[in-house]
Amino acid sequence: MKSAFRILVFVPLALIILFFAMANRSPVHVSLDPFVTDGSGPAFDSPLYIVVLIAMALGVIAGGFSTWVSHLPVRRAARVARTEAKKTRAEIEKLRHQALANLPQDKEAKN
C-alpha cells in the first residue's frame, strides 16, 4: 500500500519537475548582491529551472530544520518520560518479586 502511494505521488511529481526543466532551459542572470544595481556584484548565468529547483530545495531544508528545532522540547520530554518509565518498570518488577517472596507458603506444599 505504501509503495503504491509513493508511486502515485512521486512519479507525477518527477514528471512535473522534468517537464518544468525542459520548458525553462534558457539562462537567466542571477545577482547575489541585492544592493548593487549595475551588475558589478557577484553574479552568474544559469538555466531558470536550476535556480528554481535550488530555491525550492533550500526552502525544504530550511523548513525541515525549523521543524526539527521546534520539536526539541517534545523530544526532550519524551526522552525523560522513557527514562522514568524504565525506572518505574524496574521498580514494579522488584516489588513484584518481593511480594511473591512474602506470600505464605501453601500447607500442602510443606507436607
N, C-alpha and C. Protein backbone atom coordinates (compact mmCIF):
# COMPACT_ATOMS: atom_id res chain seq x y z
N MET A 1 0.83 -1.19 0.00
CA MET A 1 0.00 0.00 0.00
C MET A 1 0.87 1.25 0.00
N LYS A 2 1.92 1.23 0.85
CA LYS A 2 2.81 2.39 0.91
C LYS A 2 3.53 2.61 -0.41
N SER A 3 4.00 1.54 -1.02
CA SER A 3 4.76 1.69 -2.27
C SER A 3 3.85 2.18 -3.39
N ALA A 4 2.61 1.75 -3.41
CA ALA A 4 1.68 2.23 -4.43
C ALA A 4 1.40 3.72 -4.23
N PHE A 5 1.26 4.13 -2.98
CA PHE A 5 1.04 5.54 -2.69
C PHE A 5 2.25 6.37 -3.10
N ARG A 6 3.44 5.85 -2.82
CA ARG A 6 4.66 6.56 -3.22
C ARG A 6 4.74 6.71 -4.73
N ILE A 7 4.39 5.66 -5.43
CA ILE A 7 4.41 5.73 -6.90
C ILE A 7 3.40 6.76 -7.38
N LEU A 8 2.21 6.75 -6.80
CA LEU A 8 1.18 7.70 -7.21
C LEU A 8 1.57 9.15 -6.92
N VAL A 9 2.42 9.37 -5.94
CA VAL A 9 2.83 10.73 -5.60
C VAL A 9 4.10 11.13 -6.33
N PHE A 10 5.12 10.28 -6.28
CA PHE A 10 6.44 10.69 -6.76
C PHE A 10 6.61 10.61 -8.27
N VAL A 11 5.94 9.71 -8.94
CA VAL A 11 6.06 9.65 -10.40
C VAL A 11 5.48 10.91 -11.04
N PRO A 12 4.26 11.33 -10.70
CA PRO A 12 3.77 12.59 -11.28
C PRO A 12 4.62 13.79 -10.88
N LEU A 13 5.11 13.81 -9.65
CA LEU A 13 5.96 14.91 -9.20
C LEU A 13 7.26 14.94 -10.01
N ALA A 14 7.86 13.80 -10.24
CA ALA A 14 9.08 13.73 -11.05
C ALA A 14 8.81 14.18 -12.48
N LEU A 15 7.66 13.79 -13.03
CA LEU A 15 7.32 14.21 -14.39
C LEU A 15 7.10 15.73 -14.47
N ILE A 16 6.47 16.29 -13.45
CA ILE A 16 6.25 17.74 -13.44
C ILE A 16 7.60 18.46 -13.38
N ILE A 17 8.51 17.99 -12.55
CA ILE A 17 9.84 18.60 -12.45
C ILE A 17 10.58 18.46 -13.77
N LEU A 18 10.50 17.30 -14.39
CA LEU A 18 11.15 17.08 -15.67
C LEU A 18 10.60 18.00 -16.75
N PHE A 19 9.27 18.10 -16.85
CA PHE A 19 8.67 18.98 -17.84
C PHE A 19 9.00 20.44 -17.57
N PHE A 20 9.04 20.84 -16.30
CA PHE A 20 9.43 22.21 -15.94
C PHE A 20 10.86 22.48 -16.38
N ALA A 21 11.74 21.53 -16.13
CA ALA A 21 13.14 21.72 -16.52
C ALA A 21 13.29 21.81 -18.04
N MET A 22 12.55 21.01 -18.76
CA MET A 22 12.63 21.04 -20.22
C MET A 22 12.09 22.36 -20.78
N ALA A 23 11.08 22.91 -20.15
CA ALA A 23 10.46 24.13 -20.66
C ALA A 23 11.22 25.40 -20.27
N ASN A 24 12.08 25.34 -19.27
CA ASN A 24 12.77 26.53 -18.76
C ASN A 24 14.29 26.36 -18.80
N ARG A 25 14.82 26.10 -20.00
CA ARG A 25 16.25 25.90 -20.16
C ARG A 25 17.01 27.18 -20.46
N SER A 26 16.31 28.26 -20.73
CA SER A 26 17.00 29.49 -21.10
C SER A 26 17.74 30.07 -19.90
N PRO A 27 18.93 30.63 -20.12
CA PRO A 27 19.71 31.15 -18.99
C PRO A 27 19.13 32.46 -18.47
N VAL A 28 19.28 32.65 -17.16
CA VAL A 28 18.88 33.90 -16.51
C VAL A 28 20.10 34.43 -15.76
N HIS A 29 20.14 35.72 -15.56
CA HIS A 29 21.23 36.35 -14.84
C HIS A 29 20.83 36.42 -13.36
N VAL A 30 21.61 35.78 -12.51
CA VAL A 30 21.33 35.74 -11.08
C VAL A 30 22.38 36.57 -10.36
N SER A 31 21.92 37.63 -9.70
CA SER A 31 22.82 38.50 -8.94
C SER A 31 22.71 38.15 -7.46
N LEU A 32 23.85 38.04 -6.80
CA LEU A 32 23.87 37.65 -5.38
C LEU A 32 23.96 38.84 -4.44
N ASP A 33 24.10 40.05 -4.97
CA ASP A 33 24.19 41.25 -4.15
C ASP A 33 22.95 42.11 -4.38
N PRO A 34 22.05 42.22 -3.40
CA PRO A 34 20.81 42.96 -3.62
C PRO A 34 21.00 44.48 -3.66
N PHE A 35 22.17 44.98 -3.26
CA PHE A 35 22.38 46.43 -3.17
C PHE A 35 23.07 47.00 -4.40
N VAL A 36 23.61 46.15 -5.25
CA VAL A 36 24.29 46.62 -6.45
C VAL A 36 23.32 46.51 -7.61
N THR A 37 23.02 47.64 -8.27
CA THR A 37 22.06 47.62 -9.37
C THR A 37 22.73 47.64 -10.73
N ASP A 38 24.02 47.92 -10.79
CA ASP A 38 24.69 48.00 -12.09
C ASP A 38 25.25 46.66 -12.56
N GLY A 39 25.10 45.61 -11.80
CA GLY A 39 25.55 44.29 -12.21
C GLY A 39 27.01 44.02 -11.93
N SER A 40 27.67 44.86 -11.15
CA SER A 40 29.09 44.67 -10.88
C SER A 40 29.34 43.73 -9.71
N GLY A 41 28.31 43.36 -8.98
CA GLY A 41 28.46 42.47 -7.83
C GLY A 41 28.60 41.03 -8.28
N PRO A 42 28.69 40.11 -7.32
CA PRO A 42 28.79 38.69 -7.67
C PRO A 42 27.50 38.21 -8.35
N ALA A 43 27.68 37.61 -9.50
CA ALA A 43 26.52 37.15 -10.28
C ALA A 43 26.94 36.01 -11.19
N PHE A 44 25.97 35.29 -11.68
CA PHE A 44 26.24 34.20 -12.63
C PHE A 44 25.01 33.99 -13.50
N ASP A 45 25.22 33.31 -14.61
CA ASP A 45 24.13 32.94 -15.50
C ASP A 45 23.86 31.45 -15.33
N SER A 46 22.59 31.12 -15.23
CA SER A 46 22.20 29.73 -15.01
C SER A 46 20.84 29.50 -15.63
N PRO A 47 20.56 28.25 -16.03
CA PRO A 47 19.20 27.97 -16.51
C PRO A 47 18.17 28.23 -15.41
N LEU A 48 17.01 28.71 -15.81
CA LEU A 48 15.97 29.08 -14.85
C LEU A 48 15.55 27.90 -13.98
N TYR A 49 15.45 26.71 -14.57
CA TYR A 49 14.98 25.57 -13.77
C TYR A 49 15.94 25.24 -12.64
N ILE A 50 17.24 25.44 -12.85
CA ILE A 50 18.21 25.17 -11.78
C ILE A 50 18.02 26.16 -10.64
N VAL A 51 17.82 27.43 -10.99
CA VAL A 51 17.61 28.45 -9.96
C VAL A 51 16.36 28.13 -9.15
N VAL A 52 15.27 27.77 -9.83
CA VAL A 52 14.01 27.49 -9.14
C VAL A 52 14.13 26.22 -8.29
N LEU A 53 14.73 25.18 -8.82
CA LEU A 53 14.86 23.93 -8.06
C LEU A 53 15.78 24.09 -6.86
N ILE A 54 16.85 24.87 -6.99
CA ILE A 54 17.72 25.11 -5.85
C ILE A 54 16.99 25.93 -4.79
N ALA A 55 16.20 26.92 -5.22
CA ALA A 55 15.43 27.71 -4.26
C ALA A 55 14.41 26.83 -3.54
N MET A 56 13.76 25.92 -4.26
CA MET A 56 12.81 25.00 -3.63
C MET A 56 13.52 24.07 -2.65
N ALA A 57 14.68 23.56 -3.03
CA ALA A 57 15.43 22.65 -2.15
C ALA A 57 15.86 23.38 -0.89
N LEU A 58 16.34 24.60 -1.03
CA LEU A 58 16.73 25.38 0.15
C LEU A 58 15.52 25.65 1.05
N GLY A 59 14.37 25.89 0.46
CA GLY A 59 13.15 26.09 1.25
C GLY A 59 12.76 24.84 2.02
N VAL A 60 12.87 23.69 1.37
CA VAL A 60 12.55 22.43 2.05
C VAL A 60 13.52 22.17 3.19
N ILE A 61 14.80 22.42 2.96
CA ILE A 61 15.80 22.22 4.00
C ILE A 61 15.56 23.18 5.17
N ALA A 62 15.28 24.46 4.86
CA ALA A 62 15.02 25.43 5.92
C ALA A 62 13.77 25.06 6.71
N GLY A 63 12.73 24.61 6.03
CA GLY A 63 11.50 24.19 6.72
C GLY A 63 11.72 22.97 7.59
N GLY A 64 12.47 22.01 7.09
CA GLY A 64 12.78 20.82 7.89
C GLY A 64 13.60 21.15 9.11
N PHE A 65 14.57 22.04 8.96
CA PHE A 65 15.41 22.44 10.09
C PHE A 65 14.58 23.18 11.13
N SER A 66 13.71 24.09 10.68
CA SER A 66 12.90 24.83 11.66
C SER A 66 11.92 23.91 12.38
N THR A 67 11.39 22.92 11.70
CA THR A 67 10.51 21.95 12.34
C THR A 67 11.29 21.11 13.36
N TRP A 68 12.48 20.69 12.98
CA TRP A 68 13.32 19.90 13.88
C TRP A 68 13.64 20.70 15.14
N VAL A 69 13.98 21.98 14.98
CA VAL A 69 14.29 22.82 16.13
C VAL A 69 13.06 23.04 17.01
N SER A 70 11.90 23.24 16.38
CA SER A 70 10.69 23.49 17.17
C SER A 70 10.25 22.26 17.95
N HIS A 71 10.66 21.06 17.53
CA HIS A 71 10.28 19.83 18.22
C HIS A 71 11.29 19.39 19.27
N LEU A 72 12.34 20.17 19.49
CA LEU A 72 13.34 19.80 20.50
C LEU A 72 12.72 19.61 21.90
N PRO A 73 11.86 20.51 22.38
CA PRO A 73 11.26 20.30 23.71
C PRO A 73 10.42 19.02 23.80
N VAL A 74 9.74 18.69 22.72
CA VAL A 74 8.91 17.48 22.71
C VAL A 74 9.79 16.24 22.79
N ARG A 75 10.88 16.24 22.01
CA ARG A 75 11.78 15.09 22.06
C ARG A 75 12.46 14.97 23.41
N ARG A 76 12.79 16.09 24.03
CA ARG A 76 13.41 16.07 25.36
C ARG A 76 12.42 15.49 26.38
N ALA A 77 11.17 15.93 26.33
CA ALA A 77 10.15 15.42 27.25
C ALA A 77 9.93 13.92 27.04
N ALA A 78 9.94 13.48 25.80
CA ALA A 78 9.77 12.05 25.51
C ALA A 78 10.94 11.25 26.06
N ARG A 79 12.14 11.78 25.96
CA ARG A 79 13.31 11.09 26.49
C ARG A 79 13.22 10.96 28.01
N VAL A 80 12.79 12.03 28.68
CA VAL A 80 12.62 11.98 30.13
C VAL A 80 11.54 10.98 30.51
N ALA A 81 10.43 10.97 29.77
CA ALA A 81 9.34 10.04 30.06
C ALA A 81 9.78 8.60 29.86
N ARG A 82 10.57 8.33 28.81
CA ARG A 82 11.08 6.97 28.60
C ARG A 82 11.97 6.53 29.76
N THR A 83 12.83 7.43 30.22
CA THR A 83 13.71 7.11 31.34
C THR A 83 12.91 6.82 32.60
N GLU A 84 11.92 7.65 32.88
CA GLU A 84 11.08 7.44 34.06
C GLU A 84 10.28 6.14 33.94
N ALA A 85 9.79 5.84 32.76
CA ALA A 85 9.03 4.60 32.56
C ALA A 85 9.92 3.38 32.78
N LYS A 86 11.16 3.47 32.31
CA LYS A 86 12.09 2.36 32.51
C LYS A 86 12.38 2.14 33.99
N LYS A 87 12.58 3.25 34.73
CA LYS A 87 12.81 3.14 36.18
C LYS A 87 11.58 2.58 36.88
N THR A 88 10.40 3.01 36.46
CA THR A 88 9.16 2.54 37.08
C THR A 88 8.96 1.05 36.83
N ARG A 89 9.24 0.60 35.60
CA ARG A 89 9.12 -0.84 35.30
C ARG A 89 10.06 -1.66 36.17
N ALA A 90 11.30 -1.17 36.33
CA ALA A 90 12.26 -1.89 37.17
C ALA A 90 11.78 -1.95 38.61
N GLU A 91 11.23 -0.86 39.10
CA GLU A 91 10.71 -0.84 40.48
C GLU A 91 9.52 -1.77 40.63
N ILE A 92 8.63 -1.80 39.64
CA ILE A 92 7.47 -2.70 39.68
C ILE A 92 7.94 -4.15 39.74
N GLU A 93 8.93 -4.51 38.92
CA GLU A 93 9.43 -5.88 38.93
C GLU A 93 10.06 -6.22 40.28
N LYS A 94 10.80 -5.28 40.86
CA LYS A 94 11.40 -5.50 42.16
C LYS A 94 10.33 -5.74 43.22
N LEU A 95 9.29 -4.89 43.23
CA LEU A 95 8.21 -5.05 44.20
C LEU A 95 7.42 -6.34 43.97
N ARG A 96 7.25 -6.73 42.72
CA ARG A 96 6.55 -7.98 42.41
C ARG A 96 7.32 -9.17 42.97
N HIS A 97 8.63 -9.17 42.78
CA HIS A 97 9.44 -10.27 43.31
C HIS A 97 9.40 -10.30 44.84
N GLN A 98 9.42 -9.12 45.46
CA GLN A 98 9.33 -9.06 46.93
C GLN A 98 7.98 -9.57 47.41
N ALA A 99 6.90 -9.19 46.70
CA ALA A 99 5.56 -9.63 47.10
C ALA A 99 5.42 -11.14 46.94
N LEU A 100 5.98 -11.68 45.87
CA LEU A 100 5.90 -13.13 45.68
C LEU A 100 6.72 -13.87 46.72
N ALA A 101 7.81 -13.28 47.12
CA ALA A 101 8.65 -13.93 48.14
C ALA A 101 7.98 -13.91 49.51
N ASN A 102 7.14 -12.92 49.77
CA ASN A 102 6.50 -12.79 51.08
C ASN A 102 5.15 -13.50 51.16
N LEU A 103 4.70 -14.14 50.09
CA LEU A 103 3.43 -14.86 50.13
C LEU A 103 3.54 -16.05 51.08
N PRO A 104 2.47 -16.33 51.83
CA PRO A 104 2.53 -17.51 52.73
C PRO A 104 2.60 -18.79 51.90
N GLN A 105 3.39 -19.71 52.38
CA GLN A 105 3.55 -20.98 51.69
C GLN A 105 2.31 -21.84 51.90
N ASP A 106 1.95 -22.60 50.89
CA ASP A 106 0.81 -23.49 50.95
C ASP A 106 1.15 -24.66 51.90
N LYS A 107 0.17 -25.03 52.79
CA LYS A 107 0.42 -26.08 53.79
C LYS A 107 0.63 -27.43 53.11
N GLU A 108 -0.04 -27.67 52.00
CA GLU A 108 0.11 -28.95 51.30
C GLU A 108 1.50 -29.07 50.69
N ALA A 109 2.04 -27.95 50.27
CA ALA A 109 3.37 -27.99 49.69
C ALA A 109 4.42 -28.30 50.76
N LYS A 110 4.16 -27.93 52.05
CA LYS A 110 5.09 -28.19 53.13
C LYS A 110 5.10 -29.67 53.51
N ASN A 111 3.96 -30.34 53.41
CA ASN A 111 3.85 -31.75 53.83
C ASN A 111 4.35 -32.67 52.81
